[in-house]
């Protein structure tokens, strides 16, 4: 156990000293903020205007939509950035040194995963605090205690899911150049796959199905539901149920798969099962790579 804590501490210190890894971790967050300020906000406000008009409450609701997407992306990119330590160790052959030490392969791998989870959780919670301050300054209200606990629970699930998937991806990366490419690709693609850069209703049906089958996108759905439920009721109080449902489906607040609305429990099970599958497969691959 002491060896595990030492490795986690060592990985964390190396990450904090490497500003390049930190920048790669937050690159897609900056992209989301820029796109939202330039394009996404006004597009969604124009769509709402056609249904109920524009009020301060509708602008707050749109801000909440952006915040939910940003938090889901932050969990992915920050956990991936933390795995840069694992790639560095492989490229410099330090992993071989660990393997010759009296350490189990599970301990070595677990140290990278836990470090990734800690870093991802720290940045995600920090982003959550920043987003809450932004929403308040923009005219919104503070989430209730239960609302905050719900969001934090979703963030924990999101970070754990992202860590397990990113571990699987990094097992096939052996150089810093390849890792930088992977970070760029993931940072760009995740915004599309979570329906942040382009709302899910704005892409073809086959792309919508890909997004809805993509496990990480379900964390965005859960976060949107947690942030936006009260605002939707206020903004669309004069709208018909069909108009509300159409808006929710178009902007990925709810998913409709095979003509059935996906429930919250369904999304949570997808996240949990995906975590278990990717973690199990990654352990098997790591053992085969380091016999």
Protein backbone atom coordinates (compact mmCIF):
# COMPACT_ATOMS: atom_id res chain seq x y z
CA UNK A 1 0.00 0.00 0.00
CA UNK A 2 2.89 2.38 0.78
CA UNK A 3 4.33 1.67 -2.66
CA UNK A 4 1.01 2.62 -4.26
CA UNK A 5 0.82 5.91 -2.36
CA UNK A 6 4.42 6.70 -3.29
CA UNK A 7 3.80 6.08 -6.99
CA UNK A 8 0.62 8.18 -6.95
CA UNK A 9 2.48 11.03 -5.24
CA UNK A 10 5.35 10.73 -7.71
CA UNK A 11 3.00 10.80 -10.73
CA UNK A 12 1.09 13.77 -9.35
CA UNK A 13 4.25 15.82 -8.77
CA UNK A 14 5.51 15.15 -12.29
CA UNK A 15 2.16 16.19 -13.75
CA UNK A 16 2.08 19.46 -11.82
CA UNK A 17 5.57 20.34 -13.05
CA UNK A 18 4.71 19.75 -16.72
CA UNK A 19 2.82 22.78 -18.04
CA UNK A 20 2.47 21.23 -21.50
CA UNK A 21 0.33 18.41 -20.10
CA UNK A 22 -1.80 20.94 -18.25
CA UNK A 23 -2.32 22.99 -21.41
CA UNK A 24 -3.28 19.92 -23.46
CA UNK A 25 -5.73 18.94 -20.70
CA UNK A 26 -7.57 22.26 -20.85
CA UNK A 27 -7.32 22.96 -24.60
CA UNK A 28 -10.79 21.69 -25.48
CA UNK A 29 -12.30 23.66 -22.57
CA UNK A 30 -10.97 26.86 -24.13
CA UNK A 31 -12.40 25.76 -27.49
CA UNK A 32 -15.88 25.27 -25.96
CA UNK A 33 -15.82 28.69 -24.28
CA UNK A 34 -14.71 30.38 -27.49
CA UNK A 35 -17.31 28.63 -29.65
CA UNK A 36 -20.03 29.38 -27.12
CA UNK A 37 -19.19 33.08 -26.94
CA UNK A 38 -18.96 33.46 -30.72
CA UNK A 39 -21.59 31.10 -32.05
CA UNK A 40 -23.42 28.57 -29.86
CA UNK A 41 -25.15 30.94 -27.44
CA UNK A 42 -26.80 33.11 -30.08
CA UNK A 43 -27.86 30.11 -32.17
CA UNK A 44 -29.72 28.53 -29.25
CA UNK A 45 -31.25 31.85 -28.15
CA UNK A 46 -32.59 32.35 -31.70
CA UNK A 47 -34.19 28.89 -31.56
CA UNK A 48 -35.87 29.62 -28.21
CA UNK A 49 -37.04 33.01 -29.46
CA UNK A 50 -39.20 31.31 -32.09
CA UNK A 51 -41.02 29.34 -29.38
CA UNK A 52 -41.40 31.58 -26.31
CA UNK A 53 -39.37 34.72 -26.94
CA UNK A 54 -36.18 35.76 -25.20
CA UNK A 55 -35.98 36.56 -21.49
CA UNK A 56 -33.22 36.67 -18.91
CA UNK A 57 -34.33 33.22 -17.75
CA UNK A 58 -33.89 31.79 -21.24
CA UNK A 59 -30.35 33.19 -21.39
CA UNK A 60 -29.60 31.59 -18.04
CA UNK A 61 -30.93 28.26 -19.34
CA UNK A 62 -28.67 28.44 -22.39
CA UNK A 63 -25.71 29.17 -20.10
CA UNK A 64 -26.59 26.10 -18.06
CA UNK A 65 -26.60 24.01 -21.24
CA UNK A 66 -23.08 25.20 -22.04
CA UNK A 67 -21.85 24.60 -18.49
CA UNK A 68 -23.09 21.00 -18.51
CA UNK A 69 -21.26 20.27 -21.76
CA UNK A 70 -18.10 21.97 -20.54
CA UNK A 71 -18.01 19.87 -17.36
CA UNK A 72 -18.44 16.62 -19.30
CA UNK A 73 -15.54 17.58 -21.59
CA UNK A 74 -13.30 18.69 -18.70
CA UNK A 75 -13.53 15.23 -17.11
CA UNK A 76 -12.29 13.61 -20.32
CA UNK A 77 -9.44 15.94 -21.22
CA UNK A 78 -7.98 16.37 -17.74
CA UNK A 79 -7.89 12.63 -17.03
CA UNK A 80 -6.27 12.02 -20.41
CA UNK A 81 -3.66 14.69 -19.70
CA UNK A 82 -2.76 12.93 -16.45
CA UNK A 83 -2.00 9.73 -18.37
CA UNK A 84 0.79 11.63 -20.13
CA UNK A 85 2.97 10.53 -17.19
CA UNK A 86 2.37 6.90 -18.14
CA UNK A 87 3.42 7.60 -21.74
CA UNK A 88 6.55 9.43 -20.55
CA UNK A 89 7.51 6.47 -18.41
CA UNK A 90 7.04 4.07 -21.31
CA UNK A 91 9.09 6.22 -23.69
CA UNK A 92 11.92 6.69 -21.18
CA UNK A 93 11.80 2.97 -20.20
CA UNK A 94 11.04 3.84 -16.58
CA UNK A 95 8.16 1.41 -16.71
CA UNK A 96 10.73 -1.36 -17.15
CA UNK A 97 12.46 -0.21 -13.98
CA UNK A 98 9.16 -0.40 -12.08
CA UNK A 99 8.56 -3.90 -13.44
CA UNK A 100 11.91 -5.10 -12.07
CA UNK A 101 11.10 -3.66 -8.64
CA UNK A 102 9.10 -5.67 -6.07
CA UNK A 103 5.85 -4.13 -7.32
CA UNK A 104 2.85 -5.92 -8.81
CA UNK A 105 1.69 -4.91 -12.26
CA UNK A 106 -1.69 -4.04 -10.74
CA UNK A 107 -0.03 -1.58 -8.35
CA UNK A 108 1.86 0.15 -11.17
CA UNK A 109 -1.23 0.47 -13.35
CA UNK A 110 -3.46 1.47 -10.45
CA UNK A 111 -1.10 4.32 -9.54
CA UNK A 112 -1.63 5.90 -12.97
CA UNK A 113 -5.39 5.41 -12.83
CA UNK A 114 -5.81 6.85 -9.34
CA UNK A 115 -3.57 9.80 -10.20
CA UNK A 116 -5.68 10.43 -13.32
CA UNK A 117 -8.87 10.24 -11.27
CA UNK A 118 -7.53 12.66 -8.62
CA UNK A 119 -6.39 15.20 -11.20
CA UNK A 120 -9.59 14.87 -13.25
CA UNK A 121 -11.76 15.24 -10.15
CA UNK A 122 -9.81 18.26 -8.91
CA UNK A 123 -10.10 20.15 -12.20
CA UNK A 124 -13.73 19.12 -12.72
CA UNK A 125 -14.76 20.33 -9.26
CA UNK A 126 -12.76 23.52 -9.80
CA UNK A 127 -14.56 23.99 -13.13
CA UNK A 128 -17.89 23.35 -11.38
CA UNK A 129 -17.19 26.12 -8.86
CA UNK A 130 -16.16 28.46 -11.66
CA UNK A 131 -19.26 27.60 -13.68
CA UNK A 132 -21.53 28.21 -10.70
CA UNK A 133 -19.98 31.64 -10.19
CA UNK A 134 -20.45 32.37 -13.90
CA UNK A 135 -24.13 31.34 -13.77
CA UNK A 136 -24.76 33.49 -10.71
CA UNK A 137 -23.06 36.52 -12.27
CA UNK A 138 -25.10 35.94 -15.44
CA UNK A 139 -28.37 36.16 -13.51
CA UNK A 140 -28.91 32.56 -12.45
CA UNK A 141 -29.54 31.13 -9.01
CA UNK A 142 -27.32 28.99 -6.84
CA UNK A 143 -28.06 25.27 -7.08
CA UNK A 144 -29.76 23.78 -4.05
CA UNK A 145 -27.75 21.53 -1.73
CA UNK A 146 -29.37 18.46 -3.29
CA UNK A 147 -28.71 19.87 -6.75
CA UNK A 148 -25.04 20.39 -5.94
CA UNK A 149 -24.70 16.88 -4.51
CA UNK A 150 -26.34 15.49 -7.63
CA UNK A 151 -23.93 17.36 -9.91
CA UNK A 152 -20.92 16.31 -7.83
CA UNK A 153 -22.07 12.67 -7.99
CA UNK A 154 -22.35 12.89 -11.78
CA UNK A 155 -18.91 14.50 -11.97
CA UNK A 156 -17.41 11.63 -9.96
CA UNK A 157 -19.04 9.12 -12.33
CA UNK A 158 -17.87 11.12 -15.33
CA UNK A 159 -14.26 11.29 -14.12
CA UNK A 160 -14.21 7.57 -13.28
CA UNK A 161 -15.62 6.69 -16.71
CA UNK A 162 -13.16 8.97 -18.49
CA UNK A 163 -10.22 7.50 -16.55
CA UNK A 164 -11.15 3.95 -17.54
CA UNK A 165 -11.59 4.79 -21.24
CA UNK A 166 -8.44 6.92 -21.40
CA UNK A 167 -6.41 4.17 -19.73
CA UNK A 168 -7.47 1.82 -22.52
CA UNK A 169 -6.45 4.35 -25.20
CA UNK A 170 -3.08 5.17 -23.64
CA UNK A 171 -2.09 1.49 -23.45
CA UNK A 172 -1.51 1.68 -27.22
CA UNK A 173 0.48 4.95 -27.08
CA UNK A 174 4.25 4.74 -26.56
CA UNK A 175 5.69 8.16 -27.45
CA UNK A 176 5.05 11.77 -26.47
CA UNK A 177 4.42 12.74 -30.10
CA UNK A 178 1.73 10.09 -30.43
CA UNK A 179 0.22 11.19 -27.11
CA UNK A 180 0.06 14.82 -28.24
CA UNK A 181 -1.76 13.70 -31.39
CA UNK A 182 -4.17 11.59 -29.34
CA UNK A 183 -4.86 14.52 -26.99
CA UNK A 184 -5.62 16.81 -29.93
CA UNK A 185 -7.92 14.27 -31.58
CA UNK A 186 -9.77 13.43 -28.35
CA UNK A 187 -10.03 17.09 -27.33
CA UNK A 188 -11.59 17.95 -30.68
CA UNK A 189 -13.80 14.89 -31.11
CA UNK A 190 -15.23 14.87 -27.58
CA UNK A 191 -17.07 18.14 -28.17
CA UNK A 192 -18.88 16.63 -31.13
CA UNK A 193 -19.51 13.26 -29.46
CA UNK A 194 -21.07 14.98 -26.43
CA UNK A 195 -23.27 17.21 -28.59
CA UNK A 196 -21.58 20.41 -27.44
CA UNK A 197 -20.06 21.88 -30.61
CA UNK A 198 -23.14 20.95 -32.65
CA UNK A 199 -26.47 20.04 -30.92
CA UNK A 200 -27.44 16.43 -31.47
CA UNK A 201 -30.57 17.52 -33.36
CA UNK A 202 -28.40 19.32 -35.90
CA UNK A 203 -26.61 16.22 -37.21
CA UNK A 204 -27.84 13.31 -39.39
CA UNK A 205 -29.67 10.38 -37.79
CA UNK A 206 -26.75 7.94 -38.04
CA UNK A 207 -24.50 10.46 -36.24
CA UNK A 208 -27.17 10.93 -33.58
CA UNK A 209 -27.13 7.17 -32.97
CA UNK A 210 -23.34 7.20 -32.65
CA UNK A 211 -23.56 9.99 -30.07
CA UNK A 212 -26.30 8.25 -28.09
CA UNK A 213 -24.32 4.99 -28.01
CA UNK A 214 -21.18 6.87 -26.91
CA UNK A 215 -21.03 6.35 -23.11
CA UNK A 216 -19.41 9.69 -22.19
CA UNK A 217 -22.23 11.61 -23.87
CA UNK A 218 -24.56 10.24 -21.20
CA UNK A 219 -22.65 12.20 -18.56
CA UNK A 220 -23.49 15.36 -20.52
CA UNK A 221 -27.17 14.36 -20.58
CA UNK A 222 -27.20 13.78 -16.83
CA UNK A 223 -25.51 17.13 -16.18
CA UNK A 224 -27.91 19.00 -18.47
CA UNK A 225 -30.85 17.46 -16.67
CA UNK A 226 -29.37 18.40 -13.29
CA UNK A 227 -28.68 22.01 -14.27
CA UNK A 228 -31.62 22.78 -16.56
CA UNK A 229 -34.77 21.12 -15.16
CA UNK A 230 -35.99 24.18 -13.21
CA UNK A 231 -35.05 26.64 -15.97
CA UNK A 232 -36.89 24.64 -18.63
CA UNK A 233 -40.06 24.69 -16.54
CA UNK A 234 -39.82 28.48 -16.16
CA UNK A 235 -38.84 29.32 -19.74
CA UNK A 236 -41.34 27.00 -21.43
CA UNK A 237 -44.27 27.44 -19.05
CA UNK A 238 -46.38 28.80 -21.93
CA UNK A 239 -45.17 26.21 -24.46
CA UNK A 240 -46.85 22.91 -25.27
CA UNK A 241 -45.39 19.58 -24.04
CA UNK A 242 -44.50 18.68 -27.63
CA UNK A 243 -42.52 21.91 -28.06
CA UNK A 244 -40.65 21.29 -24.81
CA UNK A 245 -39.84 17.71 -25.77
CA UNK A 246 -38.67 18.78 -29.22
CA UNK A 247 -36.32 21.33 -27.70
CA UNK A 248 -34.98 18.78 -25.19
CA UNK A 249 -34.33 16.20 -27.90
CA UNK A 250 -32.71 18.69 -30.26
CA UNK A 251 -30.25 19.94 -27.64
CA UNK A 252 -29.49 16.59 -26.03
CA UNK A 253 -31.21 17.19 -22.72
CA UNK A 254 -32.98 13.88 -23.25
CA UNK A 255 -32.12 11.06 -25.65
CA UNK A 256 -34.65 9.21 -27.77
CA UNK A 257 -33.28 5.90 -28.99
CA UNK A 258 -35.39 3.47 -31.03
CA UNK A 259 -38.45 5.68 -30.42
CA UNK A 260 -38.03 5.45 -26.64
CA UNK A 261 -36.83 8.16 -24.26
CA UNK A 262 -33.75 7.05 -22.33
CA UNK A 263 -34.18 7.26 -18.56
CA UNK A 264 -31.65 8.56 -16.04
CA UNK A 265 -31.12 5.08 -14.59
CA UNK A 266 -30.42 3.74 -18.10
CA UNK A 267 -27.69 6.36 -18.61
CA UNK A 268 -26.14 5.57 -15.22
CA UNK A 269 -26.05 1.84 -16.01
CA UNK A 270 -24.39 2.53 -19.35
CA UNK A 271 -21.69 4.53 -17.54
CA UNK A 272 -21.11 1.87 -14.84
CA UNK A 273 -21.03 -1.08 -17.27
CA UNK A 274 -18.65 0.77 -19.60
CA UNK A 275 -16.30 1.52 -16.68
CA UNK A 276 -16.21 -2.14 -15.67
CA UNK A 277 -15.64 -3.37 -19.24
CA UNK A 278 -12.84 -0.92 -20.08
CA UNK A 279 -11.11 -1.42 -16.74
CA UNK A 280 -11.19 -5.21 -17.07
CA UNK A 281 -9.95 -5.17 -20.67
CA UNK A 282 -7.21 -2.67 -19.81
CA UNK A 283 -5.92 -4.86 -16.98
CA UNK A 284 -5.77 -7.84 -19.32
CA UNK A 285 -3.94 -5.85 -22.02
CA UNK A 286 -1.45 -4.39 -19.53
CA UNK A 287 -0.59 -7.86 -18.21
CA UNK A 288 -0.07 -9.19 -21.74
CA UNK A 289 2.13 -6.22 -22.67
CA UNK A 290 4.31 -6.66 -19.57
CA UNK A 291 4.68 -10.41 -19.07
